[in-house]
Protein backbone atom coordinates (compact mmCIF):
# COMPACT_ATOMS: atom_id res chain seq x y z
CA MET A 1 -13.36 24.88 7.02
CA SER A 2 -10.52 27.23 7.88
CA TYR A 3 -7.78 28.26 5.46
CA ILE A 4 -5.25 25.92 7.09
CA GLU A 5 -7.70 23.01 7.17
CA ASP A 6 -8.54 23.55 3.52
CA LEU A 7 -4.89 23.85 2.52
CA PHE A 8 -3.94 20.50 4.04
CA SER A 9 -7.26 18.72 3.54
CA LEU A 10 -7.33 15.32 1.84
CA ALA A 11 -11.12 15.10 1.80
CA ASP A 12 -12.45 13.02 -1.11
CA LYS A 13 -8.95 11.63 -1.77
CA THR A 14 -7.98 7.97 -1.83
CA ALA A 15 -4.46 7.12 -0.66
CA VAL A 16 -2.82 3.78 -1.38
CA VAL A 17 -0.10 3.11 1.18
CA ILE A 18 2.21 0.28 0.16
CA GLY A 19 3.93 -0.85 3.32
CA GLY A 20 1.11 0.64 5.36
CA THR A 21 1.06 -2.30 7.76
CA GLY A 22 4.47 -1.20 9.06
CA GLU A 23 5.16 1.38 11.74
CA LEU A 24 6.29 4.41 9.75
CA CYS A 25 3.91 4.07 6.81
CA GLY A 26 1.15 3.07 9.21
CA ALA A 27 1.62 6.40 10.97
CA MET A 28 1.62 8.19 7.60
CA ALA A 29 -1.63 6.42 6.72
CA SER A 30 -3.21 7.47 10.00
CA THR A 31 -2.21 11.09 9.39
CA MET A 32 -3.79 11.13 5.93
CA ALA A 33 -6.93 9.48 7.28
CA GLN A 34 -7.28 12.25 9.87
CA ALA A 35 -6.98 14.75 7.02
CA GLY A 36 -9.97 13.11 5.31
CA ALA A 37 -8.47 10.57 2.91
CA GLU A 38 -9.77 7.07 2.45
CA ILE A 39 -6.82 4.77 3.16
CA VAL A 40 -5.86 1.54 1.42
CA LEU A 41 -3.23 -0.38 3.37
CA VAL A 42 -1.22 -2.68 1.13
CA GLY A 43 1.00 -5.49 2.38
CA ARG A 44 1.19 -9.20 2.98
CA SER A 45 -0.49 -9.48 6.38
CA ALA A 46 -4.15 -8.71 6.97
CA GLU A 47 -3.51 -9.38 10.66
CA LYS A 48 -0.95 -6.57 10.85
CA ALA A 49 -3.36 -4.26 9.08
CA SER A 50 -6.35 -5.00 11.30
CA GLY A 51 -5.17 -2.98 14.29
CA LYS A 52 -4.28 0.02 12.15
CA ILE A 53 -7.63 -0.09 10.37
CA ALA A 54 -9.44 -0.29 13.70
CA ALA A 55 -7.52 2.74 15.00
CA ILE A 56 -8.28 4.76 11.87
CA GLU A 57 -11.96 3.85 11.99
CA SER A 58 -12.24 4.58 15.73
CA ALA A 59 -10.96 8.09 14.96
CA GLY A 60 -13.68 8.54 12.35
CA GLY A 61 -11.65 7.65 9.28
CA SER A 62 -12.04 5.04 6.55
CA ALA A 63 -9.55 2.32 5.67
CA TYR A 64 -9.31 -1.17 4.23
CA PHE A 65 -6.61 -3.71 3.41
CA VAL A 66 -5.56 -5.22 0.08
CA ALA A 67 -2.96 -7.97 -0.02
CA ALA A 68 -0.24 -7.75 -2.67
CA ASP A 69 3.22 -8.96 -3.56
CA VAL A 70 4.70 -5.50 -3.98
CA ALA A 71 7.51 -6.64 -6.28
CA ALA A 72 5.19 -8.47 -8.71
CA ARG A 73 3.63 -6.45 -11.52
CA GLU A 74 0.55 -8.66 -11.88
CA SER A 75 -0.13 -8.46 -8.16
CA LEU A 76 0.14 -4.67 -8.16
CA GLU A 77 -2.12 -4.42 -11.21
CA GLN A 78 -4.71 -6.58 -9.46
CA MET A 79 -4.38 -4.48 -6.32
CA LEU A 80 -5.02 -1.28 -8.29
CA ALA A 81 -8.05 -2.91 -9.96
CA THR A 82 -9.41 -3.78 -6.50
CA VAL A 83 -8.89 -0.22 -5.29
CA LEU A 84 -10.68 1.21 -8.34
CA GLU A 85 -13.55 -1.22 -7.86
CA ARG A 86 -13.97 -0.36 -4.18
CA SER A 87 -13.04 3.34 -4.13
CA GLY A 88 -13.52 4.43 -7.73
CA LYS A 89 -10.18 6.23 -7.92
CA CYS A 90 -6.74 6.79 -6.43
CA ASP A 91 -5.09 10.18 -5.85
CA ILE A 92 -2.11 9.47 -3.60
CA LEU A 93 0.45 6.68 -3.70
CA VAL A 94 2.94 5.99 -0.91
CA ASN A 95 5.73 3.51 -1.66
CA GLY A 96 7.10 2.49 1.70
CA ALA A 97 7.64 -1.27 1.78
CA GLY A 98 11.12 -2.08 3.03
CA VAL A 99 13.36 -4.84 4.38
CA ASN A 100 16.88 -4.72 5.76
CA ALA A 101 19.73 -6.97 6.88
CA ALA A 102 22.86 -6.23 8.91
CA THR A 103 25.16 -8.48 6.90
CA PRO A 104 28.89 -7.83 6.40
CA PHE A 105 29.52 -6.93 2.77
CA LEU A 106 31.46 -10.06 1.81
CA ASP A 107 28.78 -12.26 3.40
CA VAL A 108 25.84 -10.83 1.43
CA THR A 109 24.44 -13.68 -0.66
CA ASP A 110 22.74 -13.39 -4.02
CA GLU A 111 19.52 -14.55 -2.37
CA GLU A 112 19.66 -11.81 0.28
CA TYR A 113 20.59 -9.16 -2.27
CA ASP A 114 17.72 -10.16 -4.59
CA ARG A 115 15.22 -10.22 -1.72
CA ILE A 116 16.12 -6.74 -0.46
CA PHE A 117 16.39 -5.26 -3.94
CA ALA A 118 13.00 -6.67 -4.96
CA THR A 119 11.16 -5.20 -1.96
CA ASN A 120 12.96 -1.88 -1.65
CA ALA A 121 13.75 -0.88 -5.24
CA LYS A 122 11.97 -3.03 -7.82
CA ALA A 123 8.67 -2.62 -5.97
CA VAL A 124 8.93 1.18 -6.22
CA PHE A 125 9.87 1.01 -9.90
CA VAL A 126 6.98 -1.29 -10.82
CA SER A 127 4.47 0.49 -8.59
CA CYS A 128 5.31 3.84 -10.21
CA GLN A 129 4.81 2.26 -13.63
CA VAL A 130 1.46 0.70 -12.73
CA PHE A 131 0.03 3.72 -10.92
CA GLY A 132 1.75 6.25 -13.15
CA SER A 133 0.00 4.74 -16.19
CA TYR A 134 -3.32 5.04 -14.38
CA PHE A 135 -2.68 8.64 -13.32
CA LEU A 136 -1.61 9.68 -16.82
CA GLU A 137 -4.45 7.93 -18.63
CA ASN A 138 -7.05 9.48 -16.33
CA LYS A 139 -5.37 12.91 -16.09
CA ILE A 140 -5.24 12.76 -12.31
CA ASN A 141 -3.31 15.40 -10.38
CA ALA A 142 -1.64 12.83 -8.18
CA SER A 143 1.00 12.78 -5.48
CA ILE A 144 3.52 9.96 -5.26
CA ILE A 145 5.52 9.80 -2.04
CA ASN A 146 8.45 7.39 -2.13
CA VAL A 147 9.96 6.64 1.25
CA GLY A 148 13.72 7.00 1.10
CA SER A 149 16.35 6.80 3.81
CA MET A 150 19.34 8.66 5.18
CA SER A 151 21.35 5.72 3.84
CA GLY A 152 20.24 6.72 0.36
CA VAL A 153 21.86 10.13 0.89
CA ILE A 154 24.79 9.38 3.19
CA PRO A 155 26.37 5.90 3.00
CA LEU A 156 25.87 4.06 6.30
CA SER A 157 27.87 1.09 7.47
CA ARG A 158 26.50 -2.46 7.79
CA VAL A 159 23.47 -1.99 5.51
CA PHE A 160 25.10 -2.23 2.10
CA THR A 161 22.25 -3.64 0.01
CA TYR A 162 19.64 -1.54 1.79
CA SER A 163 21.67 1.62 1.11
CA MET A 164 21.96 0.75 -2.59
CA THR A 165 18.23 0.24 -2.91
CA LYS A 166 17.36 3.49 -1.14
CA ALA A 167 19.78 5.44 -3.33
CA ALA A 168 17.85 3.99 -6.27
CA VAL A 169 14.56 5.19 -4.76
CA HIS A 170 15.93 8.73 -4.45
CA ASN A 171 17.10 8.62 -8.06
CA ILE A 172 13.88 7.33 -9.60
CA SER A 173 11.86 9.90 -7.65
CA LYS A 174 13.82 12.78 -9.16
CA ASN A 175 13.66 11.27 -12.64
CA LEU A 176 9.90 10.76 -12.52
CA ALA A 177 9.35 14.22 -11.03
CA ARG A 178 11.01 15.67 -14.11
CA GLU A 179 9.24 13.27 -16.47
CA TRP A 180 5.72 13.97 -15.19
CA ALA A 181 6.01 17.58 -14.02
CA THR A 182 3.67 18.93 -16.70
CA ASP A 183 1.16 16.10 -16.26
CA GLY A 184 0.04 17.10 -12.78
CA ILE A 185 1.85 14.21 -11.09
CA ARG A 186 4.17 15.20 -8.27
CA VAL A 187 6.86 12.74 -7.13
CA ASN A 188 8.81 13.35 -3.96
CA THR A 189 10.95 11.44 -1.49
CA LEU A 190 10.21 11.49 2.23
CA VAL A 191 13.49 10.80 4.02
CA PRO A 192 13.20 9.64 7.63
CA GLY A 193 16.23 9.78 9.85
CA PHE A 194 16.51 7.21 12.61
CA PHE A 195 13.11 5.94 13.66
CA PRO A 196 13.04 2.60 15.51
CA ALA A 197 10.98 0.24 13.36
CA GLU A 198 10.72 -3.46 12.64
CA GLN A 199 13.20 -3.38 9.77
CA ASN A 200 16.04 -1.69 11.65
CA ARG A 201 15.76 -2.91 15.26
CA LYS A 202 18.07 -5.81 14.46
CA VAL A 203 20.93 -3.40 13.71
CA LEU A 204 20.32 -1.04 16.66
CA THR A 205 22.91 -2.45 19.02
CA PRO A 206 23.89 -0.33 22.04
CA GLU A 207 27.11 0.67 20.28
CA ARG A 208 25.25 1.73 17.14
CA VAL A 209 22.65 3.65 19.13
CA GLU A 210 25.45 5.57 20.83
CA GLN A 211 26.95 6.42 17.43
CA ILE A 212 23.57 7.57 16.09
CA MET A 213 22.88 9.78 19.11
CA GLY A 214 26.34 11.30 18.77
CA HIS A 215 25.52 12.28 15.19
CA THR A 216 21.95 13.52 15.85
CA PRO A 217 21.74 17.11 17.19
CA MET A 218 18.38 16.42 18.85
CA LYS A 219 19.95 13.45 20.71
CA ARG A 220 16.96 11.17 20.27
CA PHE A 221 15.18 8.89 17.81
CA GLY A 222 12.22 10.15 15.85
CA ASP A 223 8.67 9.14 16.66
CA ALA A 224 6.60 7.83 13.76
CA ASN A 225 3.97 10.51 14.36
CA GLU A 226 6.61 13.15 13.64
CA LEU A 227 6.32 12.26 9.95
CA ALA A 228 2.83 13.76 9.95
CA GLY A 229 3.71 17.28 8.86
CA ALA A 230 5.90 16.21 5.95
CA THR A 231 3.34 13.63 4.87
CA LEU A 232 0.53 16.16 4.72
CA LEU A 233 2.70 18.71 2.96
CA LEU A 234 3.58 16.27 0.17
CA ALA A 235 0.14 14.70 -0.12
CA SER A 236 -2.01 17.85 -0.09
CA GLU A 237 -2.44 21.01 -2.13
CA ALA A 238 -0.14 22.72 0.36
CA GLY A 239 2.68 21.09 -1.60
CA SER A 240 1.29 21.80 -5.07
CA PHE A 241 4.60 23.28 -6.32
CA ILE A 242 6.83 20.69 -4.67
CA THR A 243 8.15 17.91 -6.88
CA GLY A 244 11.50 16.16 -7.10
CA ALA A 245 12.21 17.15 -3.51
CA GLU A 246 13.76 15.19 -0.68
CA ILE A 247 11.98 16.16 2.52
CA VAL A 248 14.29 15.14 5.37
CA VAL A 249 12.89 14.45 8.84
CA ASP A 250 15.94 13.47 10.84
CA GLY A 251 16.44 15.54 13.98
CA GLY A 252 19.37 17.27 12.28
CA TYR A 253 21.34 14.11 11.42
CA ALA A 254 22.17 15.23 7.86
CA SER A 255 23.42 18.57 9.17
CA MET A 256 26.07 17.08 11.45
CA THR A 257 29.67 16.84 10.35
CA ILE A 258 32.11 17.06 13.28
């Protein structure tokens, strides 16, 4: 194995990818599988996971699916128990489940707010508690990658609740990075710019796309596979001194002012 291969290798690692049945986290899962990790896709739909598992396995990787309600502590604890029974350990956790809604602020209902908050923020909080306890008790040098959003850094119109939840994800990542820095647990936020995915297609009207392109120096959307480099950096020993960071992959969006 070459120096570069060794630096970014995830051989003998097990990566739990919450939200791995979606497009962005599915691509992250595929990247880690190609680097040698065994992948556990976590979500609600085994059907959505089946194609991703087949693609990983056809490329020589290993993956399986575990169903879980990502906002429910008992469900996450059972999911971790299943992973430990099947894989024996976990080294990498990706928190990437997410939902969105393009609702005007005054029309956001309590039901909608609670649903988005539970999936996007509470799920990350509880998952970090469940897996963090396991990492600490077993003295595992782990990597937690929480998937943030540009809306967690720069307020974006029309996605009020989503933006609140992603700001919370950015905050908890930095807090836990500080809390667990001497315990060998790294916690970072991967911040995608605009990547067309299931959760945001409903808000990508022609007018909004034009606004996004006008604010993105590269003048295009990102492709899910372009998260590969940042994913490997944060998951592998190549990022061994990186914690509490926000790794932005946005085509220059955050750099644009006027």
